[in-house]
Amino acid sequence: MKKTIKYTENASFFYIHLKKHCCPECGGRVQVRYTSKSVNSKSPEAKDYDFSSLTEEIELRTIYFYCPKCKQNISFEDMQGFEKKDV
């Protein structure tokens, strides 16, 4: 069975993959990573998602940033907040 992949954040490819993101703690370059969660159309939480693609299961991917230097995970929302403060 093929899963439909959906990303929970609504951000451009440029912002996520091409913009240079820096750790707010140490200033080092961060890596883009994802967490994944499968949601079945018959599960109670399915009401929160669109299953119009006619698949029985979707894979939700949530983007986060990881700093290999200080071993810190930074949420997408937190990174956007840190970057807005710097502007």
N, C-alpha and C. Protein backbone atom coordinates (compact mmCIF):
# COMPACT_ATOMS: atom_id res chain seq x y z
N MET A 1 0.85 -1.18 0.00
CA MET A 1 0.00 0.00 0.00
C MET A 1 0.89 1.24 0.00
N LYS A 2 0.61 2.15 -0.88
CA LYS A 2 1.38 3.38 -1.00
C LYS A 2 0.82 4.44 -0.05
N LYS A 3 1.71 5.08 0.69
CA LYS A 3 1.31 6.15 1.60
C LYS A 3 1.45 7.49 0.91
N THR A 4 0.58 8.40 1.26
CA THR A 4 0.71 9.79 0.83
C THR A 4 1.50 10.52 1.89
N ILE A 5 2.49 11.28 1.47
CA ILE A 5 3.33 12.03 2.41
C ILE A 5 2.84 13.46 2.47
N LYS A 6 2.61 13.95 3.69
CA LYS A 6 2.20 15.33 3.90
C LYS A 6 3.15 15.96 4.90
N TYR A 7 3.52 17.19 4.64
CA TYR A 7 4.38 17.95 5.55
C TYR A 7 3.50 18.85 6.41
N THR A 8 3.79 18.88 7.71
CA THR A 8 2.94 19.65 8.61
C THR A 8 3.21 21.14 8.54
N GLU A 9 4.38 21.55 8.07
CA GLU A 9 4.69 22.97 7.95
C GLU A 9 4.40 23.45 6.54
N ASN A 10 3.99 24.69 6.44
CA ASN A 10 3.73 25.27 5.14
C ASN A 10 4.86 26.27 4.86
N ALA A 11 5.97 25.76 4.36
CA ALA A 11 7.13 26.60 4.08
C ALA A 11 7.70 26.25 2.72
N SER A 12 8.39 27.21 2.15
CA SER A 12 8.94 26.99 0.82
C SER A 12 10.19 26.10 0.87
N PHE A 13 10.47 25.46 -0.24
CA PHE A 13 11.68 24.65 -0.39
C PHE A 13 12.91 25.51 -0.14
N PHE A 14 12.89 26.74 -0.65
CA PHE A 14 14.02 27.65 -0.48
C PHE A 14 14.30 27.88 1.01
N TYR A 15 13.25 28.20 1.78
CA TYR A 15 13.44 28.49 3.21
C TYR A 15 14.00 27.27 3.94
N ILE A 16 13.49 26.12 3.66
CA ILE A 16 13.88 24.93 4.41
C ILE A 16 15.26 24.42 4.00
N HIS A 17 15.51 24.29 2.71
CA HIS A 17 16.71 23.60 2.25
C HIS A 17 17.85 24.50 1.76
N LEU A 18 17.55 25.70 1.29
CA LEU A 18 18.61 26.52 0.71
C LEU A 18 19.07 27.67 1.61
N LYS A 19 18.20 28.13 2.49
CA LYS A 19 18.59 29.18 3.43
C LYS A 19 19.55 28.60 4.46
N LYS A 20 20.57 29.37 4.80
CA LYS A 20 21.53 28.92 5.82
C LYS A 20 20.96 29.23 7.20
N HIS A 21 20.65 28.19 7.93
CA HIS A 21 20.11 28.34 9.28
C HIS A 21 21.23 28.11 10.28
N CYS A 22 21.26 28.93 11.33
CA CYS A 22 22.29 28.83 12.37
C CYS A 22 21.65 28.54 13.71
N CYS A 23 22.36 27.80 14.53
CA CYS A 23 21.89 27.47 15.88
C CYS A 23 21.83 28.75 16.72
N PRO A 24 20.73 28.98 17.42
CA PRO A 24 20.63 30.17 18.27
C PRO A 24 21.54 30.10 19.50
N GLU A 25 21.99 28.90 19.87
CA GLU A 25 22.85 28.74 21.05
C GLU A 25 24.33 28.97 20.72
N CYS A 26 24.83 28.24 19.69
CA CYS A 26 26.27 28.27 19.42
C CYS A 26 26.62 28.95 18.09
N GLY A 27 25.63 29.23 17.26
CA GLY A 27 25.89 29.88 15.97
C GLY A 27 26.32 28.94 14.87
N GLY A 28 26.42 27.64 15.15
CA GLY A 28 26.83 26.66 14.15
C GLY A 28 25.72 26.38 13.15
N ARG A 29 26.08 25.83 12.00
CA ARG A 29 25.10 25.46 10.98
C ARG A 29 24.28 24.28 11.47
N VAL A 30 22.99 24.33 11.21
CA VAL A 30 22.09 23.24 11.62
C VAL A 30 21.72 22.40 10.41
N GLN A 31 21.25 21.20 10.69
CA GLN A 31 20.79 20.27 9.66
C GLN A 31 19.27 20.20 9.69
N VAL A 32 18.67 19.97 8.52
CA VAL A 32 17.23 19.77 8.44
C VAL A 32 16.96 18.29 8.66
N ARG A 33 16.04 18.01 9.56
CA ARG A 33 15.63 16.63 9.85
C ARG A 33 14.12 16.56 9.91
N TYR A 34 13.61 15.34 9.91
CA TYR A 34 12.16 15.12 9.93
C TYR A 34 11.80 14.06 10.95
N THR A 35 10.64 14.23 11.56
CA THR A 35 10.03 13.14 12.30
C THR A 35 8.85 12.67 11.46
N SER A 36 8.52 11.40 11.54
CA SER A 36 7.42 10.85 10.75
C SER A 36 6.41 10.17 11.65
N LYS A 37 5.15 10.25 11.22
CA LYS A 37 4.07 9.61 11.96
C LYS A 37 3.04 9.14 10.94
N SER A 38 2.63 7.91 11.03
CA SER A 38 1.61 7.37 10.13
C SER A 38 0.23 7.53 10.76
N VAL A 39 -0.72 7.96 9.94
CA VAL A 39 -2.10 8.12 10.39
C VAL A 39 -2.98 7.33 9.45
N ASN A 40 -3.75 6.41 10.01
CA ASN A 40 -4.67 5.59 9.24
C ASN A 40 -6.02 6.30 9.15
N SER A 41 -6.68 6.18 8.00
CA SER A 41 -7.96 6.87 7.78
C SER A 41 -9.06 6.40 8.74
N LYS A 42 -8.87 5.25 9.35
CA LYS A 42 -9.87 4.71 10.27
C LYS A 42 -9.58 5.03 11.74
N SER A 43 -8.47 5.70 11.99
CA SER A 43 -8.11 6.02 13.37
C SER A 43 -8.86 7.27 13.84
N PRO A 44 -9.01 7.43 15.15
CA PRO A 44 -9.72 8.60 15.69
C PRO A 44 -9.08 9.94 15.30
N GLU A 45 -7.76 9.97 15.16
CA GLU A 45 -7.10 11.23 14.82
C GLU A 45 -7.22 11.59 13.34
N ALA A 46 -7.77 10.70 12.52
CA ALA A 46 -7.90 10.94 11.08
C ALA A 46 -8.80 12.13 10.77
N LYS A 47 -9.69 12.45 11.69
CA LYS A 47 -10.61 13.58 11.46
C LYS A 47 -9.86 14.90 11.31
N ASP A 48 -8.63 14.97 11.79
CA ASP A 48 -7.83 16.19 11.71
C ASP A 48 -7.09 16.35 10.39
N TYR A 49 -7.17 15.35 9.49
CA TYR A 49 -6.39 15.37 8.26
C TYR A 49 -7.25 15.08 7.04
N ASP A 50 -6.74 15.50 5.90
CA ASP A 50 -7.45 15.34 4.63
C ASP A 50 -7.05 14.01 3.98
N PHE A 51 -8.02 13.14 3.81
CA PHE A 51 -7.78 11.84 3.16
C PHE A 51 -8.41 11.81 1.77
N SER A 52 -8.56 12.94 1.14
CA SER A 52 -9.19 12.99 -0.18
C SER A 52 -8.31 12.37 -1.27
N SER A 53 -7.05 12.09 -0.96
CA SER A 53 -6.16 11.49 -1.95
C SER A 53 -6.45 10.00 -2.15
N LEU A 54 -7.47 9.50 -1.49
CA LEU A 54 -7.93 8.12 -1.62
C LEU A 54 -6.93 7.08 -1.11
N THR A 55 -6.01 7.48 -0.30
CA THR A 55 -5.13 6.51 0.34
C THR A 55 -5.69 6.22 1.72
N GLU A 56 -5.39 5.05 2.20
CA GLU A 56 -5.90 4.66 3.51
C GLU A 56 -5.00 5.15 4.63
N GLU A 57 -3.78 5.51 4.29
CA GLU A 57 -2.83 5.93 5.31
C GLU A 57 -1.97 7.06 4.76
N ILE A 58 -1.71 8.05 5.63
CA ILE A 58 -0.80 9.13 5.25
C ILE A 58 0.38 9.15 6.22
N GLU A 59 1.49 9.62 5.72
CA GLU A 59 2.67 9.79 6.56
C GLU A 59 2.87 11.28 6.77
N LEU A 60 2.76 11.71 8.02
CA LEU A 60 2.96 13.13 8.35
C LEU A 60 4.43 13.35 8.70
N ARG A 61 5.05 14.30 8.04
CA ARG A 61 6.44 14.62 8.32
C ARG A 61 6.51 16.01 8.93
N THR A 62 7.17 16.09 10.06
CA THR A 62 7.36 17.35 10.75
C THR A 62 8.84 17.72 10.66
N ILE A 63 9.08 18.92 10.20
CA ILE A 63 10.45 19.40 10.02
C ILE A 63 10.98 19.96 11.34
N TYR A 64 12.24 19.66 11.62
CA TYR A 64 12.93 20.30 12.73
C TYR A 64 14.38 20.49 12.34
N PHE A 65 15.08 21.28 13.09
CA PHE A 65 16.50 21.54 12.82
C PHE A 65 17.33 20.94 13.95
N TYR A 66 18.49 20.43 13.58
CA TYR A 66 19.37 19.77 14.54
C TYR A 66 20.76 20.41 14.46
N CYS A 67 21.31 20.77 15.60
CA CYS A 67 22.66 21.32 15.66
C CYS A 67 23.61 20.20 16.08
N PRO A 68 24.48 19.75 15.18
CA PRO A 68 25.41 18.67 15.53
C PRO A 68 26.48 19.11 16.53
N LYS A 69 26.71 20.41 16.62
CA LYS A 69 27.74 20.93 17.51
C LYS A 69 27.30 20.86 18.98
N CYS A 70 26.10 21.34 19.25
CA CYS A 70 25.63 21.33 20.65
C CYS A 70 24.51 20.32 20.89
N LYS A 71 24.24 19.45 19.89
CA LYS A 71 23.28 18.34 20.01
C LYS A 71 21.89 18.80 20.41
N GLN A 72 21.45 19.90 19.83
CA GLN A 72 20.16 20.49 20.18
C GLN A 72 19.17 20.35 19.02
N ASN A 73 17.94 19.96 19.34
CA ASN A 73 16.85 19.96 18.37
C ASN A 73 16.11 21.28 18.48
N ILE A 74 15.81 21.89 17.34
CA ILE A 74 15.12 23.18 17.31
C ILE A 74 13.89 23.02 16.44
N SER A 75 12.73 23.32 16.97
CA SER A 75 11.51 23.17 16.19
C SER A 75 11.47 24.19 15.06
N PHE A 76 10.69 23.89 14.06
CA PHE A 76 10.51 24.78 12.92
C PHE A 76 10.02 26.16 13.39
N GLU A 77 9.04 26.16 14.27
CA GLU A 77 8.45 27.40 14.78
C GLU A 77 9.48 28.21 15.57
N ASP A 78 10.27 27.53 16.41
CA ASP A 78 11.29 28.23 17.19
C ASP A 78 12.35 28.85 16.28
N MET A 79 12.76 28.11 15.24
CA MET A 79 13.76 28.64 14.31
C MET A 79 13.23 29.89 13.61
N GLN A 80 11.98 29.87 13.19
CA GLN A 80 11.40 31.04 12.55
C GLN A 80 11.39 32.22 13.53
N GLY A 81 11.06 31.96 14.78
CA GLY A 81 11.06 33.03 15.78
C GLY A 81 12.45 33.60 16.01
N PHE A 82 13.46 32.73 16.11
CA PHE A 82 14.84 33.20 16.31
C PHE A 82 15.30 34.04 15.12
N GLU A 83 14.95 33.60 13.92
CA GLU A 83 15.39 34.30 12.72
C GLU A 83 14.68 35.64 12.55
N LYS A 84 13.43 35.74 12.99
CA LYS A 84 12.72 37.02 12.91
C LYS A 84 13.30 38.03 13.87
N LYS A 85 13.78 37.58 15.03
CA LYS A 85 14.40 38.48 16.01
C LYS A 85 15.70 39.08 15.46
N ASP A 86 16.41 38.30 14.65
CA ASP A 86 17.70 38.74 14.12
C ASP A 86 17.57 39.74 12.98
N VAL A 87 16.39 39.87 12.41
CA VAL A 87 16.23 40.76 11.25
C VAL A 87 16.12 42.19 11.68
